Amino acid sequence: MASELADEPCEACTSEDEPLPESEYEEYLAELDTEVWDVINGHHLEGTYEFEDFRDALEFTYEVGELAEEEWHHPDFHLQWGEVQIEMWTHKIDGLHKADFVMAARMDRIHEDYS
């Protein structure tokens, strides 16, 4: 599931930005892999990617880590055999920003190589 959202810039927020309200983040959420991602309590994205083995899950985690360093937008990971769980939100505003959804769309794109 390729999303145009993955091609958009991952622009950092400013301290004047507010977290996205549900009416705004719903359109971004619709562009993500809905079998992976969900918004939790209007505060953060939570996703679970499945893999055939530990090595693929680890390699995916590494690739997403490289992306996070490039964009300076770092998710929380939980890696286990055949699965990577991710939590992501913008800490500066303690909530969701468009950049969170851009990063999630890019993770979806990376995961396509493992399907």
C-alpha atoms as a PDB file:
ATOM      1  CA  MET A   1       0.000   0.000   0.000  1.00  0.00           C
ATOM      2  CA  ALA A   2       1.979   2.973  -1.248  1.00  0.00           C
ATOM      3  CA  SER A   3       0.896   6.306   0.170  1.00  0.00           C
ATOM      4  CA  GLU A   4       1.624   9.737  -1.272  1.00  0.00           C
ATOM      5  CA  LEU A   5       2.008  10.838   2.337  1.00  0.00           C
ATOM      6  CA  ALA A   6       5.350   8.987   2.386  1.00  0.00           C
ATOM      7  CA  ASP A   7       6.643  11.373  -0.290  1.00  0.00           C
ATOM      8  CA  GLU A   8       5.850  14.508   1.691  1.00  0.00           C
ATOM      9  CA  PRO A   9       8.545  16.244   3.738  1.00  0.00           C
ATOM     10  CA  CYS A  10       8.825  15.322   7.395  1.00  0.00           C
ATOM     11  CA  GLU A  11       8.743  18.876   8.695  1.00  0.00           C
ATOM     12  CA  ALA A  12       9.362  19.483  12.362  1.00  0.00           C
ATOM     13  CA  CYS A  13       6.778  21.377  14.335  1.00  0.00           C
ATOM     14  CA  THR A  14       7.317  24.603  16.189  1.00  0.00           C
ATOM     15  CA  SER A  15       6.546  25.210  19.841  1.00  0.00           C
ATOM     16  CA  GLU A  16       3.520  27.216  18.682  1.00  0.00           C
ATOM     17  CA  ASP A  17       1.952  24.213  16.935  1.00  0.00           C
ATOM     18  CA  GLU A  18      -0.880  22.391  18.645  1.00  0.00           C
ATOM     19  CA  PRO A  19      -1.419  18.616  18.484  1.00  0.00           C
ATOM     20  CA  LEU A  20      -3.664  17.603  15.604  1.00  0.00           C
ATOM     21  CA  PRO A  21      -7.351  17.246  16.452  1.00  0.00           C
ATOM     22  CA  GLU A  22      -9.125  14.059  15.368  1.00  0.00           C
ATOM     23  CA  SER A  23     -10.786  15.823  12.428  1.00  0.00           C
ATOM     24  CA  GLU A  24      -7.329  16.517  10.963  1.00  0.00           C
ATOM     25  CA  TYR A  25      -5.431  13.353  11.811  1.00  0.00           C
ATOM     26  CA  GLU A  26      -8.198  11.043  10.503  1.00  0.00           C
ATOM     27  CA  GLU A  27      -7.333  11.957   6.885  1.00  0.00           C
ATOM     28  CA  TYR A  28      -3.666  11.115   7.491  1.00  0.00           C
ATOM     29  CA  LEU A  29      -4.529   7.895   9.323  1.00  0.00           C
ATOM     30  CA  ALA A  30      -6.585   6.784   6.304  1.00  0.00           C
ATOM     31  CA  GLU A  31      -3.397   6.893   4.201  1.00  0.00           C
ATOM     32  CA  LEU A  32      -1.566   4.454   6.484  1.00  0.00           C
ATOM     33  CA  ASP A  33      -1.761   0.672   6.575  1.00  0.00           C
ATOM     34  CA  THR A  34      -4.856   0.342   8.774  1.00  0.00           C
ATOM     35  CA  GLU A  35      -3.930  -3.247   9.669  1.00  0.00           C
ATOM     36  CA  VAL A  36      -0.786  -1.827  11.312  1.00  0.00           C
ATOM     37  CA  TRP A  37      -1.560   1.645  12.689  1.00  0.00           C
ATOM     38  CA  ASP A  38      -4.064   3.140  15.099  1.00  0.00           C
ATOM     39  CA  VAL A  39      -4.277   6.373  17.075  1.00  0.00           C
ATOM     40  CA  ILE A  40      -4.355   5.766  20.824  1.00  0.00           C
ATOM     41  CA  ASN A  41      -6.281   8.185  23.043  1.00  0.00           C
ATOM     42  CA  GLY A  42      -5.858  10.951  20.445  1.00  0.00           C
ATOM     43  CA  HIS A  43      -2.243  11.203  21.616  1.00  0.00           C
ATOM     44  CA  HIS A  44       0.043   8.840  19.718  1.00  0.00           C
ATOM     45  CA  LEU A  45       0.318   6.374  16.873  1.00  0.00           C
ATOM     46  CA  GLU A  46       0.768   2.732  17.701  1.00  0.00           C
ATOM     47  CA  GLY A  47       1.609   0.130  15.086  1.00  0.00           C
ATOM     48  CA  THR A  48       2.594  -3.517  14.884  1.00  0.00           C
ATOM     49  CA  TYR A  49       4.445  -4.968  11.906  1.00  0.00           C
ATOM     50  CA  GLU A  50       4.699  -8.727  11.473  1.00  0.00           C
ATOM     51  CA  PHE A  51       7.640 -10.636   9.986  1.00  0.00           C
ATOM     52  CA  GLU A  52       8.523 -14.207   9.116  1.00  0.00           C
ATOM     53  CA  ASP A  53      11.438 -14.310  11.543  1.00  0.00           C
ATOM     54  CA  PHE A  54      13.547 -12.367  14.009  1.00  0.00           C
ATOM     55  CA  ARG A  55      16.198 -11.387  11.447  1.00  0.00           C
ATOM     56  CA  ASP A  56      13.672  -9.556   9.232  1.00  0.00           C
ATOM     57  CA  ALA A  57      12.151  -7.809  12.245  1.00  0.00           C
ATOM     58  CA  LEU A  58      15.616  -6.723  13.353  1.00  0.00           C
ATOM     59  CA  GLU A  59      16.610  -5.517   9.871  1.00  0.00           C
ATOM     60  CA  PHE A  60      13.359  -3.531   9.575  1.00  0.00           C
ATOM     61  CA  THR A  61      14.041  -1.943  12.971  1.00  0.00           C
ATOM     62  CA  TYR A  62      17.507  -0.967  11.788  1.00  0.00           C
ATOM     63  CA  GLU A  63      16.140   0.570   8.545  1.00  0.00           C
ATOM     64  CA  VAL A  64      13.523   2.559  10.447  1.00  0.00           C
ATOM     65  CA  GLY A  65      16.224   3.647  12.901  1.00  0.00           C
ATOM     66  CA  GLU A  66      18.279   5.023  10.009  1.00  0.00           C
ATOM     67  CA  LEU A  67      15.203   6.880   8.728  1.00  0.00           C
ATOM     68  CA  ALA A  68      14.576   8.274  12.216  1.00  0.00           C
ATOM     69  CA  GLU A  69      18.137   9.587  12.387  1.00  0.00           C
ATOM     70  CA  GLU A  70      17.820  11.188   8.923  1.00  0.00           C
ATOM     71  CA  GLU A  71      14.591  12.953   9.873  1.00  0.00           C
ATOM     72  CA  TRP A  72      15.471  13.496  13.532  1.00  0.00           C
ATOM     73  CA  HIS A  73      12.096  12.027  14.489  1.00  0.00           C
ATOM     74  CA  HIS A  74      12.488   8.992  16.718  1.00  0.00           C
ATOM     75  CA  PRO A  75       9.807   6.396  17.512  1.00  0.00           C
ATOM     76  CA  ASP A  76       9.809   3.941  20.406  1.00  0.00           C
ATOM     77  CA  PHE A  77      10.398   0.305  19.363  1.00  0.00           C
ATOM     78  CA  HIS A  78       9.590  -3.039  20.897  1.00  0.00           C
ATOM     79  CA  LEU A  79      11.314  -5.813  18.944  1.00  0.00           C
ATOM     80  CA  GLN A  80      10.526  -9.488  19.370  1.00  0.00           C
ATOM     81  CA  TRP A  81      10.558 -12.596  17.234  1.00  0.00           C
ATOM     82  CA  GLY A  82       8.468 -11.897  14.121  1.00  0.00           C
ATOM     83  CA  GLU A  83       7.102  -8.566  15.303  1.00  0.00           C
ATOM     84  CA  VAL A  84       8.013  -4.920  15.759  1.00  0.00           C
ATOM     85  CA  GLN A  85       5.730  -2.648  17.762  1.00  0.00           C
ATOM     86  CA  ILE A  86       6.136   1.091  17.327  1.00  0.00           C
ATOM     87  CA  GLU A  87       4.832   4.085  19.265  1.00  0.00           C
ATOM     88  CA  MET A  88       5.252   7.556  17.885  1.00  0.00           C
ATOM     89  CA  TRP A  89       4.207  11.104  18.722  1.00  0.00           C
ATOM     90  CA  THR A  90       5.792  14.517  18.658  1.00  0.00           C
ATOM     91  CA  HIS A  91       7.274  15.111  22.079  1.00  0.00           C
ATOM     92  CA  LYS A  92       7.647  18.874  21.597  1.00  0.00           C
ATOM     93  CA  ILE A  93       3.842  19.274  21.492  1.00  0.00           C
ATOM     94  CA  ASP A  94       3.016  16.085  23.459  1.00  0.00           C
ATOM     95  CA  GLY A  95       0.701  14.852  20.740  1.00  0.00           C
ATOM     96  CA  LEU A  96       0.286  14.099  17.066  1.00  0.00           C
ATOM     97  CA  HIS A  97       1.751  16.180  14.254  1.00  0.00           C
ATOM     98  CA  LYS A  98       1.668  15.566  10.512  1.00  0.00           C
ATOM     99  CA  ALA A  99       5.320  14.456  10.705  1.00  0.00           C
ATOM    100  CA  ASP A 100       4.243  11.411  12.745  1.00  0.00           C
ATOM    101  CA  PHE A 101       2.000  10.267   9.924  1.00  0.00           C
ATOM    102  CA  VAL A 102       4.639  10.965   7.271  1.00  0.00           C
ATOM    103  CA  MET A 103       7.081   8.786   9.218  1.00  0.00           C
ATOM    104  CA  ALA A 104       4.476   6.033   9.616  1.00  0.00           C
ATOM    105  CA  ALA A 105       3.784   6.104   5.865  1.00  0.00           C
ATOM    106  CA  ARG A 106       7.504   5.763   5.217  1.00  0.00           C
ATOM    107  CA  MET A 107       7.650   2.804   7.599  1.00  0.00           C
ATOM    108  CA  ASP A 108       4.767   1.220   5.682  1.00  0.00           C
ATOM    109  CA  ARG A 109       6.793   1.660   2.505  1.00  0.00           C
ATOM    110  CA  ILE A 110       9.880   0.056   4.079  1.00  0.00           C
ATOM    111  CA  HIS A 111       7.746  -2.853   5.320  1.00  0.00           C
ATOM    112  CA  GLU A 112       6.516  -3.569   1.777  1.00  0.00           C
ATOM    113  CA  ASP A 113       9.983  -5.004   1.029  1.00  0.00           C
ATOM    114  CA  TYR A 114       9.388  -7.639   3.737  1.00  0.00           C
ATOM    115  CA  SER A 115       5.933  -8.746   2.548  1.00  0.00           C
END
